[in-house]
Amino acid sequence: MTTGKPRSMLREASHQIIAGGSAGLVEICLMHPLDVVKTRFQIQRGTSDPTSYKSLGDCFRTIFYKEGIFGFYKGILPPILAETPKRAVKFFTFEQYKKLLNLTPLSPGLALSVAGLGSGLTEAVVVNPFEVVKVSLQANRESFKEQPSAFAQARRIIRSDGFGLRGLNKGLTSTLGRHGVFNMIYFGFYFNVKDALPTSSDPTLEFLRKFTIGLTSGTISSCVNIPFDVAKSRIQGPQPVLGEIKYRTCFQTMALVYREEGYLALYKGLVPKIMRLGPGGAVMLLVYEHVSGWLQRNW
């Protein structure tokens, strides 16, 4: 009985998991401060709130002076703990869905987008509890030294609201929408455009080609999926009135934000999100391809 094929499949899966986890860890360490800023904008409810940030620069200055440099790293532990499984799931499931969809009548370009959608939905289920803890920590405006740890915050959420859709898994539908839409465009655009544009024999030009495509892919994906992101932050963040749940479900929250604050409120945090996931998306894909290629050559 031959064991060559199962071993080859296991090795390939290991490559995808390790490369995906590495890509996610690099991206989160570089870009987390922008995620904190994005979340702060998304949870504030209009200019009538006296604590509202007046601009992107005002947000950076206020966090730095009131909370210190570590204020930009609030809530970083949950994403770090989640990054290896999250990105491993993202890239591993994308490759598996892509293989399955290659057996269907779908065109290669469409198959890549559908595989991205599937990987995003799968990733969202894994990451949502970590997102609930992260957002609740990022919403805390106290000094970094005074805020609870990620584990203490998770215990508090579980103790008060449990593991379900009102507790550690609240906002799941919004997270599904955010990750599904993002990955559908992110993977579909990147791989379709990368295959369509000619490669370069110059390593620097080839790096710039891939980085530019990844940057564009992350930027477009961020612009399209941000209403889901705003809804997620409102649901997972602090409610306006203590003890009263105002933001309940994904589309109910979108409709409520639109009715009370206008359509532009559904794009709150777009600039820091693009600043993070434009270059961050490019970095993640390049690290994934580099690590995956190195593993294939050396393992």
C-alpha atoms as a PDB file:
ATOM      1  CA  MET A   1       0.000   0.000   0.000  1.00  0.00           C
ATOM      2  CA  THR A   2       1.461   3.343  -1.048  1.00  0.00           C
ATOM      3  CA  THR A   3       1.592   6.227   1.383  1.00  0.00           C
ATOM      4  CA  GLY A   4       3.137   8.728  -1.036  1.00  0.00           C
ATOM      5  CA  LYS A   5      -0.066  10.578  -1.917  1.00  0.00           C
ATOM      6  CA  PRO A   6      -1.394  11.002   1.669  1.00  0.00           C
ATOM      7  CA  ARG A   7       2.029  12.213   2.768  1.00  0.00           C
ATOM      8  CA  SER A   8       2.177  14.642  -0.131  1.00  0.00           C
ATOM      9  CA  MET A   9      -1.291  15.972   0.713  1.00  0.00           C
ATOM     10  CA  LEU A  10      -0.380  16.329   4.393  1.00  0.00           C
ATOM     11  CA  ARG A  11       2.831  18.173   3.478  1.00  0.00           C
ATOM     12  CA  GLU A  12       0.936  20.522   1.167  1.00  0.00           C
ATOM     13  CA  ALA A  13      -1.670  21.245   3.846  1.00  0.00           C
ATOM     14  CA  SER A  14       1.094  21.902   6.380  1.00  0.00           C
ATOM     15  CA  HIS A  15       2.738  24.357   3.982  1.00  0.00           C
ATOM     16  CA  GLN A  16      -0.523  26.265   3.538  1.00  0.00           C
ATOM     17  CA  ILE A  17      -1.198  26.401   7.286  1.00  0.00           C
ATOM     18  CA  ILE A  18       2.317  27.533   8.223  1.00  0.00           C
ATOM     19  CA  ALA A  19       2.510  30.086   5.398  1.00  0.00           C
ATOM     20  CA  GLY A  20      -0.958  31.453   6.186  1.00  0.00           C
ATOM     21  CA  GLY A  21      -0.214  31.758   9.906  1.00  0.00           C
ATOM     22  CA  SER A  22       3.111  33.500   9.210  1.00  0.00           C
ATOM     23  CA  ALA A  23       1.469  35.969   6.815  1.00  0.00           C
ATOM     24  CA  GLY A  24      -1.214  36.841   9.352  1.00  0.00           C
ATOM     25  CA  LEU A  25       1.227  37.342  12.223  1.00  0.00           C
ATOM     26  CA  VAL A  26       3.411  39.741  10.217  1.00  0.00           C
ATOM     27  CA  GLU A  27       0.370  41.728   9.049  1.00  0.00           C
ATOM     28  CA  ILE A  28      -1.216  42.107  12.485  1.00  0.00           C
ATOM     29  CA  CYS A  29       2.014  43.219  14.179  1.00  0.00           C
ATOM     30  CA  LEU A  30       2.586  45.911  11.541  1.00  0.00           C
ATOM     31  CA  MET A  31      -0.963  47.185  11.147  1.00  0.00           C
ATOM     32  CA  HIS A  32      -2.780  46.822  14.505  1.00  0.00           C
ATOM     33  CA  PRO A  33      -2.586  50.545  15.500  1.00  0.00           C
ATOM     34  CA  LEU A  34      -4.658  51.401  12.431  1.00  0.00           C
ATOM     35  CA  ASP A  35      -7.217  48.775  13.450  1.00  0.00           C
ATOM     36  CA  VAL A  36      -7.597  50.476  16.858  1.00  0.00           C
ATOM     37  CA  VAL A  37      -8.169  53.852  15.166  1.00  0.00           C
ATOM     38  CA  LYS A  38     -10.660  52.330  12.723  1.00  0.00           C
ATOM     39  CA  THR A  39     -12.671  50.733  15.547  1.00  0.00           C
ATOM     40  CA  ARG A  40     -12.757  53.988  17.548  1.00  0.00           C
ATOM     41  CA  PHE A  41     -14.287  55.836  14.573  1.00  0.00           C
ATOM     42  CA  GLN A  42     -16.816  53.080  13.918  1.00  0.00           C
ATOM     43  CA  ILE A  43     -18.206  52.949  17.451  1.00  0.00           C
ATOM     44  CA  GLN A  44     -18.620  56.705  17.953  1.00  0.00           C
ATOM     45  CA  ARG A  45     -22.137  57.948  17.240  1.00  0.00           C
ATOM     46  CA  GLY A  46     -21.951  61.307  15.505  1.00  0.00           C
ATOM     47  CA  THR A  47     -20.502  64.704  16.422  1.00  0.00           C
ATOM     48  CA  SER A  48     -23.009  65.176  19.255  1.00  0.00           C
ATOM     49  CA  ASP A  49     -20.902  62.739  21.295  1.00  0.00           C
ATOM     50  CA  PRO A  50     -18.483  64.974  23.280  1.00  0.00           C
ATOM     51  CA  THR A  51     -15.815  62.273  23.073  1.00  0.00           C
ATOM     52  CA  SER A  52     -15.942  62.123  19.254  1.00  0.00           C
ATOM     53  CA  TYR A  53     -12.675  62.435  17.392  1.00  0.00           C
ATOM     54  CA  LYS A  54     -12.615  65.412  15.034  1.00  0.00           C
ATOM     55  CA  SER A  55     -10.272  63.876  12.466  1.00  0.00           C
ATOM     56  CA  LEU A  56      -7.830  61.061  11.853  1.00  0.00           C
ATOM     57  CA  GLY A  57      -4.990  63.190  13.205  1.00  0.00           C
ATOM     58  CA  ASP A  58      -7.029  64.126  16.280  1.00  0.00           C
ATOM     59  CA  CYS A  59      -7.678  60.442  16.969  1.00  0.00           C
ATOM     60  CA  PHE A  60      -3.979  59.560  16.764  1.00  0.00           C
ATOM     61  CA  ARG A  61      -3.005  62.513  18.982  1.00  0.00           C
ATOM     62  CA  THR A  62      -5.718  61.867  21.572  1.00  0.00           C
ATOM     63  CA  ILE A  63      -4.893  58.180  21.932  1.00  0.00           C
ATOM     64  CA  PHE A  64      -1.166  58.931  22.169  1.00  0.00           C
ATOM     65  CA  TYR A  65      -1.478  61.681  24.813  1.00  0.00           C
ATOM     66  CA  LYS A  66      -4.273  60.136  26.901  1.00  0.00           C
ATOM     67  CA  GLU A  67      -3.506  56.423  26.627  1.00  0.00           C
ATOM     68  CA  GLY A  68       0.167  56.304  25.675  1.00  0.00           C
ATOM     69  CA  ILE A  69       1.890  54.520  22.821  1.00  0.00           C
ATOM     70  CA  PHE A  70       0.543  51.184  24.016  1.00  0.00           C
ATOM     71  CA  GLY A  71      -2.977  52.519  23.541  1.00  0.00           C
ATOM     72  CA  PHE A  72      -2.487  51.758  19.853  1.00  0.00           C
ATOM     73  CA  TYR A  73      -1.961  48.111  20.740  1.00  0.00           C
ATOM     74  CA  LYS A  74      -5.101  47.630  22.801  1.00  0.00           C
ATOM     75  CA  GLY A  75      -6.791  44.358  21.956  1.00  0.00           C
ATOM     76  CA  ILE A  76      -3.752  42.993  20.096  1.00  0.00           C
ATOM     77  CA  LEU A  77      -3.548  39.719  22.021  1.00  0.00           C
ATOM     78  CA  PRO A  78      -6.832  38.256  20.701  1.00  0.00           C
ATOM     79  CA  PRO A  79      -5.804  38.843  17.046  1.00  0.00           C
ATOM     80  CA  ILE A  80      -2.332  37.414  17.706  1.00  0.00           C
ATOM     81  CA  LEU A  81      -3.866  34.336  19.322  1.00  0.00           C
ATOM     82  CA  ALA A  82      -6.321  34.112  16.433  1.00  0.00           C
ATOM     83  CA  GLU A  83      -3.953  34.912  13.566  1.00  0.00           C
ATOM     84  CA  THR A  84      -2.362  31.493  13.143  1.00  0.00           C
ATOM     85  CA  PRO A  85      -5.681  29.583  13.057  1.00  0.00           C
ATOM     86  CA  LYS A  86      -7.465  32.454  11.286  1.00  0.00           C
ATOM     87  CA  ARG A  87      -5.030  32.935   8.415  1.00  0.00           C
ATOM     88  CA  ALA A  88      -4.290  29.223   8.281  1.00  0.00           C
ATOM     89  CA  VAL A  89      -8.017  28.619   7.798  1.00  0.00           C
ATOM     90  CA  LYS A  90      -8.223  31.497   5.305  1.00  0.00           C
ATOM     91  CA  PHE A  91      -5.476  30.276   2.979  1.00  0.00           C
ATOM     92  CA  PHE A  92      -5.923  26.534   3.542  1.00  0.00           C
ATOM     93  CA  THR A  93      -9.674  26.573   2.865  1.00  0.00           C
ATOM     94  CA  PHE A  94      -9.180  28.891  -0.114  1.00  0.00           C
ATOM     95  CA  GLU A  95      -6.860  26.322  -1.693  1.00  0.00           C
ATOM     96  CA  GLN A  96      -9.281  23.472  -0.934  1.00  0.00           C
ATOM     97  CA  TYR A  97     -12.361  25.318  -2.237  1.00  0.00           C
ATOM     98  CA  LYS A  98     -10.372  26.281  -5.328  1.00  0.00           C
ATOM     99  CA  LYS A  99      -9.554  22.624  -6.017  1.00  0.00           C
ATOM    100  CA  LEU A 100     -13.188  21.593  -5.603  1.00  0.00           C
ATOM    101  CA  LEU A 101     -14.489  24.427  -7.785  1.00  0.00           C
ATOM    102  CA  ASN A 102     -12.037  23.511 -10.538  1.00  0.00           C
ATOM    103  CA  LEU A 103     -14.168  20.377 -10.975  1.00  0.00           C
ATOM    104  CA  THR A 104     -17.293  22.477 -11.681  1.00  0.00           C
ATOM    105  CA  PRO A 105     -18.359  24.286 -14.887  1.00  0.00           C
ATOM    106  CA  LEU A 106     -17.466  27.658 -13.318  1.00  0.00           C
ATOM    107  CA  SER A 107     -14.906  29.727 -15.190  1.00  0.00           C
ATOM    108  CA  PRO A 108     -11.473  29.864 -13.497  1.00  0.00           C
ATOM    109  CA  GLY A 109     -11.901  33.552 -12.675  1.00  0.00           C
ATOM    110  CA  LEU A 110     -15.304  33.078 -11.041  1.00  0.00           C
ATOM    111  CA  ALA A 111     -14.111  29.955  -9.229  1.00  0.00           C
ATOM    112  CA  LEU A 112     -11.368  32.002  -7.553  1.00  0.00           C
ATOM    113  CA  SER A 113     -13.911  34.544  -6.268  1.00  0.00           C
ATOM    114  CA  VAL A 114     -16.302  31.843  -5.011  1.00  0.00           C
ATOM    115  CA  ALA A 115     -13.394  30.058  -3.316  1.00  0.00           C
ATOM    116  CA  GLY A 116     -12.519  33.364  -1.646  1.00  0.00           C
ATOM    117  CA  LEU A 117     -16.120  33.760  -0.461  1.00  0.00           C
ATOM    118  CA  GLY A 118     -16.081  30.253   1.023  1.00  0.00           C
ATOM    119  CA  SER A 119     -12.758  30.820   2.766  1.00  0.00           C
ATOM    120  CA  GLY A 120     -14.013  34.115   4.211  1.00  0.00           C
ATOM    121  CA  LEU A 121     -17.174  32.563   5.646  1.00  0.00           C
ATOM    122  CA  THR A 122     -15.153  29.743   7.189  1.00  0.00           C
ATOM    123  CA  GLU A 123     -12.590  32.176   8.594  1.00  0.00           C
ATOM    124  CA  ALA A 124     -15.344  34.318  10.144  1.00  0.00           C
ATOM    125  CA  VAL A 125     -16.672  31.444  12.250  1.00  0.00           C
ATOM    126  CA  VAL A 126     -13.190  30.844  13.677  1.00  0.00           C
ATOM    127  CA  VAL A 127     -12.311  34.475  14.352  1.00  0.00           C
ATOM    128  CA  ASN A 128     -15.584  35.975  15.661  1.00  0.00           C
ATOM    129  CA  PRO A 129     -15.081  35.231  19.400  1.00  0.00           C
ATOM    130  CA  PHE A 130     -11.627  36.842  19.224  1.00  0.00           C
ATOM    131  CA  GLU A 131     -13.156  39.862  17.477  1.00  0.00           C
ATOM    132  CA  VAL A 132     -15.723  40.315  20.263  1.00  0.00           C
ATOM    133  CA  VAL A 133     -12.955  40.466  22.868  1.00  0.00           C
ATOM    134  CA  LYS A 134     -10.730  42.673  20.683  1.00  0.00           C
ATOM    135  CA  VAL A 135     -13.425  45.285  19.960  1.00  0.00           C
ATOM    136  CA  SER A 136     -14.477  45.500  23.610  1.00  0.00           C
ATOM    137  CA  LEU A 137     -10.838  46.140  24.582  1.00  0.00           C
ATOM    138  CA  GLN A 138     -10.290  48.663  21.775  1.00  0.00           C
ATOM    139  CA  ALA A 139     -13.365  50.605  22.882  1.00  0.00           C
ATOM    140  CA  ASN A 140     -11.821  51.129  26.328  1.00  0.00           C
ATOM    141  CA  ARG A 141     -10.397  54.680  26.534  1.00  0.00           C
ATOM    142  CA  GLU A 142      -8.654  54.243  29.860  1.00  0.00           C
ATOM    143  CA  SER A 143      -4.879  54.082  30.146  1.00  0.00           C
ATOM    144  CA  PHE A 144      -3.408  50.883  28.744  1.00  0.00           C
ATOM    145  CA  LYS A 145      -2.197  49.913  32.244  1.00  0.00           C
ATOM    146  CA  GLU A 146      -5.707  50.200  33.673  1.00  0.00           C
ATOM    147  CA  GLN A 147      -7.586  48.057  31.150  1.00  0.00           C
ATOM    148  CA  PRO A 148      -8.352  44.366  31.805  1.00  0.00           C
ATOM    149  CA  SER A 149      -6.351  41.644  30.109  1.00  0.00           C
ATOM    150  CA  ALA A 150      -7.749  39.837  27.083  1.00  0.00           C
ATOM    151  CA  PHE A 151      -8.397  36.721  29.171  1.00  0.00           C
ATOM    152  CA  ALA A 152     -10.128  38.701  31.927  1.00  0.00           C
ATOM    153  CA  GLN A 153     -12.296  40.439  29.338  1.00  0.00           C
ATOM    154  CA  ALA A 154     -13.218  37.112  27.717  1.00  0.00           C
ATOM    155  CA  ARG A 155     -14.168  35.674  31.118  1.00  0.00           C
ATOM    156  CA  ARG A 156     -16.303  38.742  31.857  1.00  0.00           C
ATOM    157  CA  ILE A 157     -18.180  38.415  28.551  1.00  0.00           C
ATOM    158  CA  ILE A 158     -18.748  34.682  29.050  1.00  0.00           C
ATOM    159  CA  ARG A 159     -19.844  35.168  32.655  1.00  0.00           C
ATOM    160  CA  SER A 160     -22.348  37.894  31.805  1.00  0.00           C
ATOM    161  CA  ASP A 161     -23.635  36.785  28.391  1.00  0.00           C
ATOM    162  CA  GLY A 162     -22.353  33.271  27.672  1.00  0.00           C
ATOM    163  CA  PHE A 163     -20.914  31.843  24.463  1.00  0.00           C
ATOM    164  CA  GLY A 164     -23.906  32.480  22.203  1.00  0.00           C
ATOM    165  CA  LEU A 165     -25.014  35.249  19.865  1.00  0.00           C
ATOM    166  CA  ARG A 166     -25.440  37.672  22.769  1.00  0.00           C
ATOM    167  CA  GLY A 167     -22.052  36.860  24.253  1.00  0.00           C
ATOM    168  CA  LEU A 168     -18.786  35.618  22.811  1.00  0.00           C
ATOM    169  CA  ASN A 169     -20.329  35.107  19.363  1.00  0.00           C
ATOM    170  CA  LYS A 170     -22.368  38.286  19.011  1.00  0.00           C
ATOM    171  CA  GLY A 171     -22.084  39.994  15.658  1.00  0.00           C
ATOM    172  CA  LEU A 172     -21.454  36.688  13.875  1.00  0.00           C
ATOM    173  CA  THR A 173     -23.641  37.569  10.870  1.00  0.00           C
ATOM    174  CA  SER A 174     -21.778  40.851  10.394  1.00  0.00           C
ATOM    175  CA  THR A 175     -18.449  39.045  10.657  1.00  0.00           C
ATOM    176  CA  LEU A 176     -19.607  36.513   8.063  1.00  0.00           C
ATOM    177  CA  GLY A 177     -20.527  39.375   5.733  1.00  0.00           C
ATOM    178  CA  ARG A 178     -17.299  41.261   6.393  1.00  0.00           C
ATOM    179  CA  HIS A 179     -14.977  38.311   5.771  1.00  0.00           C
ATOM    180  CA  GLY A 180     -17.023  36.703   3.008  1.00  0.00           C
ATOM    181  CA  VAL A 181     -17.232  39.864   0.889  1.00  0.00           C
ATOM    182  CA  PHE A 182     -13.614  40.861   1.604  1.00  0.00           C
ATOM    183  CA  ASN A 183     -12.085  37.508   0.678  1.00  0.00           C
ATOM    184  CA  MET A 184     -14.307  37.082  -2.373  1.00  0.00           C
ATOM    185  CA  ILE A 185     -12.891  40.299  -3.867  1.00  0.00           C
ATOM    186  CA  TYR A 186      -9.436  39.992  -2.300  1.00  0.00           C
ATOM    187  CA  PHE A 187      -8.576  36.570  -3.711  1.00  0.00           C
ATOM    188  CA  GLY A 188     -10.614  36.907  -6.896  1.00  0.00           C
ATOM    189  CA  PHE A 189      -9.076  40.235  -7.892  1.00  0.00           C
ATOM    190  CA  TYR A 190      -5.513  39.400  -6.858  1.00  0.00           C
ATOM    191  CA  PHE A 191      -5.138  36.065  -8.603  1.00  0.00           C
ATOM    192  CA  ASN A 192      -7.127  37.013 -11.710  1.00  0.00           C
ATOM    193  CA  VAL A 193      -5.173  40.246 -12.260  1.00  0.00           C
ATOM    194  CA  LYS A 194      -1.833  38.686 -11.313  1.00  0.00           C
ATOM    195  CA  ASP A 195      -2.325  35.926 -13.895  1.00  0.00           C
ATOM    196  CA  ALA A 196      -3.457  38.427 -16.535  1.00  0.00           C
ATOM    197  CA  LEU A 197      -0.533  40.856 -16.188  1.00  0.00           C
ATOM    198  CA  PRO A 198       2.866  39.787 -17.567  1.00  0.00           C
ATOM    199  CA  THR A 199       5.547  38.816 -15.071  1.00  0.00           C
ATOM    200  CA  SER A 200       8.959  40.483 -14.936  1.00  0.00           C
ATOM    201  CA  SER A 201      12.373  38.823 -14.876  1.00  0.00           C
ATOM    202  CA  ASP A 202      13.609  41.661 -12.649  1.00  0.00           C
ATOM    203  CA  PRO A 203      13.001  40.634  -8.969  1.00  0.00           C
ATOM    204  CA  THR A 204      12.378  44.233  -7.879  1.00  0.00           C
ATOM    205  CA  LEU A 205       9.843  44.906 -10.635  1.00  0.00           C
ATOM    206  CA  GLU A 206       8.157  41.554  -9.967  1.00  0.00           C
ATOM    207  CA  PHE A 207       7.883  42.398  -6.265  1.00  0.00           C
ATOM    208  CA  LEU A 208       6.389  45.811  -7.130  1.00  0.00           C
ATOM    209  CA  ARG A 209       3.949  44.181  -9.577  1.00  0.00           C
ATOM    210  CA  LYS A 210       2.635  41.778  -6.936  1.00  0.00           C
ATOM    211  CA  PHE A 211       2.634  44.429  -4.195  1.00  0.00           C
ATOM    212  CA  THR A 212       0.633  46.855  -6.351  1.00  0.00           C
ATOM    213  CA  ILE A 213      -1.938  44.193  -7.236  1.00  0.00           C
ATOM    214  CA  GLY A 214      -2.202  43.158  -3.574  1.00  0.00           C
ATOM    215  CA  LEU A 215      -2.520  46.802  -2.475  1.00  0.00           C
ATOM    216  CA  THR A 216      -5.310  47.411  -4.997  1.00  0.00           C
ATOM    217  CA  SER A 217      -7.035  44.176  -4.014  1.00  0.00           C
ATOM    218  CA  GLY A 218      -7.001  45.036  -0.300  1.00  0.00           C
ATOM    219  CA  THR A 219      -8.178  48.592  -0.957  1.00  0.00           C
ATOM    220  CA  ILE A 220     -11.145  47.615  -3.148  1.00  0.00           C
ATOM    221  CA  SER A 221     -12.163  44.851  -0.734  1.00  0.00           C
ATOM    222  CA  SER A 222     -12.061  47.292   2.198  1.00  0.00           C
ATOM    223  CA  CYS A 223     -14.241  49.841   0.388  1.00  0.00           C
ATOM    224  CA  VAL A 224     -16.901  47.264  -0.453  1.00  0.00           C
ATOM    225  CA  ASN A 225     -17.132  45.423   2.866  1.00  0.00           C
ATOM    226  CA  ILE A 226     -16.902  48.314   5.332  1.00  0.00           C
ATOM    227  CA  PRO A 227     -20.677  48.614   6.044  1.00  0.00           C
ATOM    228  CA  PHE A 228     -20.482  45.077   7.476  1.00  0.00           C
ATOM    229  CA  ASP A 229     -17.439  46.158   9.503  1.00  0.00           C
ATOM    230  CA  VAL A 230     -19.272  49.178  10.949  1.00  0.00           C
ATOM    231  CA  ALA A 231     -22.256  46.992  11.869  1.00  0.00           C
ATOM    232  CA  LYS A 232     -19.922  44.479  13.514  1.00  0.00           C
ATOM    233  CA  SER A 233     -18.208  47.168  15.592  1.00  0.00           C
ATOM    234  CA  ARG A 234     -21.536  48.644  16.730  1.00  0.00           C
ATOM    235  CA  ILE A 235     -22.890  45.215  17.744  1.00  0.00           C
ATOM    236  CA  GLN A 236     -19.705  44.060  19.458  1.00  0.00           C
ATOM    237  CA  GLY A 237     -18.787  47.415  21.004  1.00  0.00           C
ATOM    238  CA  PRO A 238     -20.465  49.185  23.946  1.00  0.00           C
ATOM    239  CA  GLN A 239     -24.168  49.940  23.475  1.00  0.00           C
ATOM    240  CA  PRO A 240     -25.270  53.618  23.766  1.00  0.00           C
ATOM    241  CA  VAL A 241     -27.421  52.988  26.852  1.00  0.00           C
ATOM    242  CA  LEU A 242     -26.159  50.634  29.557  1.00  0.00           C
ATOM    243  CA  GLY A 243     -28.382  47.572  29.853  1.00  0.00           C
ATOM    244  CA  GLU A 244     -30.235  48.303  26.605  1.00  0.00           C
ATOM    245  CA  ILE A 245     -29.328  46.525  23.357  1.00  0.00           C
ATOM    246  CA  LYS A 246     -29.764  48.932  20.463  1.00  0.00           C
ATOM    247  CA  TYR A 247     -27.651  47.228  17.796  1.00  0.00           C
ATOM    248  CA  ARG A 248     -28.850  43.634  17.457  1.00  0.00           C
ATOM    249  CA  THR A 249     -28.374  42.176  13.975  1.00  0.00           C
ATOM    250  CA  CYS A 250     -26.317  42.995  10.917  1.00  0.00           C
ATOM    251  CA  PHE A 251     -28.887  44.549   8.590  1.00  0.00           C
ATOM    252  CA  GLN A 252     -30.956  46.028  11.430  1.00  0.00           C
ATOM    253  CA  THR A 253     -27.807  47.852  12.568  1.00  0.00           C
ATOM    254  CA  MET A 254     -26.980  49.050   9.042  1.00  0.00           C
ATOM    255  CA  ALA A 255     -30.529  50.395   8.608  1.00  0.00           C
ATOM    256  CA  LEU A 256     -30.455  52.079  12.014  1.00  0.00           C
ATOM    257  CA  VAL A 257     -27.074  53.744  11.400  1.00  0.00           C
ATOM    258  CA  TYR A 258     -28.249  54.916   7.963  1.00  0.00           C
ATOM    259  CA  ARG A 259     -31.527  56.318   9.349  1.00  0.00           C
ATOM    260  CA  GLU A 260     -29.993  58.111  12.345  1.00  0.00           C
ATOM    261  CA  GLU A 261     -26.590  59.202  10.983  1.00  0.00           C
ATOM    262  CA  GLY A 262     -26.789  59.068   7.193  1.00  0.00           C
ATOM    263  CA  TYR A 263     -25.156  56.763   4.648  1.00  0.00           C
ATOM    264  CA  LEU A 264     -21.652  58.159   5.253  1.00  0.00           C
ATOM    265  CA  ALA A 265     -21.778  56.711   8.767  1.00  0.00           C
ATOM    266  CA  LEU A 266     -21.663  53.256   7.147  1.00  0.00           C
ATOM    267  CA  TYR A 267     -18.177  54.178   5.905  1.00  0.00           C
ATOM    268  CA  LYS A 268     -16.756  55.349   9.236  1.00  0.00           C
ATOM    269  CA  GLY A 269     -13.171  54.249   9.697  1.00  0.00           C
ATOM    270  CA  LEU A 270     -12.663  53.752   5.958  1.00  0.00           C
ATOM    271  CA  VAL A 271      -9.401  55.733   5.783  1.00  0.00           C
ATOM    272  CA  PRO A 272      -7.564  53.846   8.567  1.00  0.00           C
ATOM    273  CA  LYS A 273      -9.070  50.593   7.262  1.00  0.00           C
ATOM    274  CA  ILE A 274      -7.625  51.255   3.791  1.00  0.00           C
ATOM    275  CA  MET A 275      -4.341  52.384   5.334  1.00  0.00           C
ATOM    276  CA  ARG A 276      -4.209  49.045   7.116  1.00  0.00           C
ATOM    277  CA  LEU A 277      -5.668  46.535   4.682  1.00  0.00           C
ATOM    278  CA  GLY A 278      -4.340  48.077   1.467  1.00  0.00           C
ATOM    279  CA  PRO A 279      -0.643  47.603   2.239  1.00  0.00           C
ATOM    280  CA  GLY A 280      -1.481  44.953   4.860  1.00  0.00           C
ATOM    281  CA  GLY A 281      -3.306  42.866   2.285  1.00  0.00           C
ATOM    282  CA  ALA A 282      -0.350  43.142  -0.065  1.00  0.00           C
ATOM    283  CA  VAL A 283       2.124  42.203   2.681  1.00  0.00           C
ATOM    284  CA  MET A 284       0.012  39.202   3.684  1.00  0.00           C
ATOM    285  CA  LEU A 285      -0.191  37.763   0.162  1.00  0.00           C
ATOM    286  CA  LEU A 286       3.509  38.329  -0.492  1.00  0.00           C
ATOM    287  CA  VAL A 287       4.543  36.738   2.809  1.00  0.00           C
ATOM    288  CA  TYR A 288       2.196  33.812   2.141  1.00  0.00           C
ATOM    289  CA  GLU A 289       3.626  33.203  -1.334  1.00  0.00           C
ATOM    290  CA  HIS A 290       7.225  33.643  -0.137  1.00  0.00           C
ATOM    291  CA  VAL A 291       6.897  31.319   2.875  1.00  0.00           C
ATOM    292  CA  SER A 292       4.880  28.786   0.888  1.00  0.00           C
ATOM    293  CA  GLY A 293       7.500  28.767  -1.876  1.00  0.00           C
ATOM    294  CA  TRP A 294      10.359  28.418   0.631  1.00  0.00           C
ATOM    295  CA  LEU A 295       8.606  25.470   2.333  1.00  0.00           C
ATOM    296  CA  GLN A 296       8.016  23.729  -0.982  1.00  0.00           C
ATOM    297  CA  ARG A 297      11.700  24.073  -1.899  1.00  0.00           C
ATOM    298  CA  ASN A 298      13.096  23.079   1.481  1.00  0.00           C
ATOM    299  CA  TRP A 299      10.543  20.740   3.058  1.00  0.00           C
END
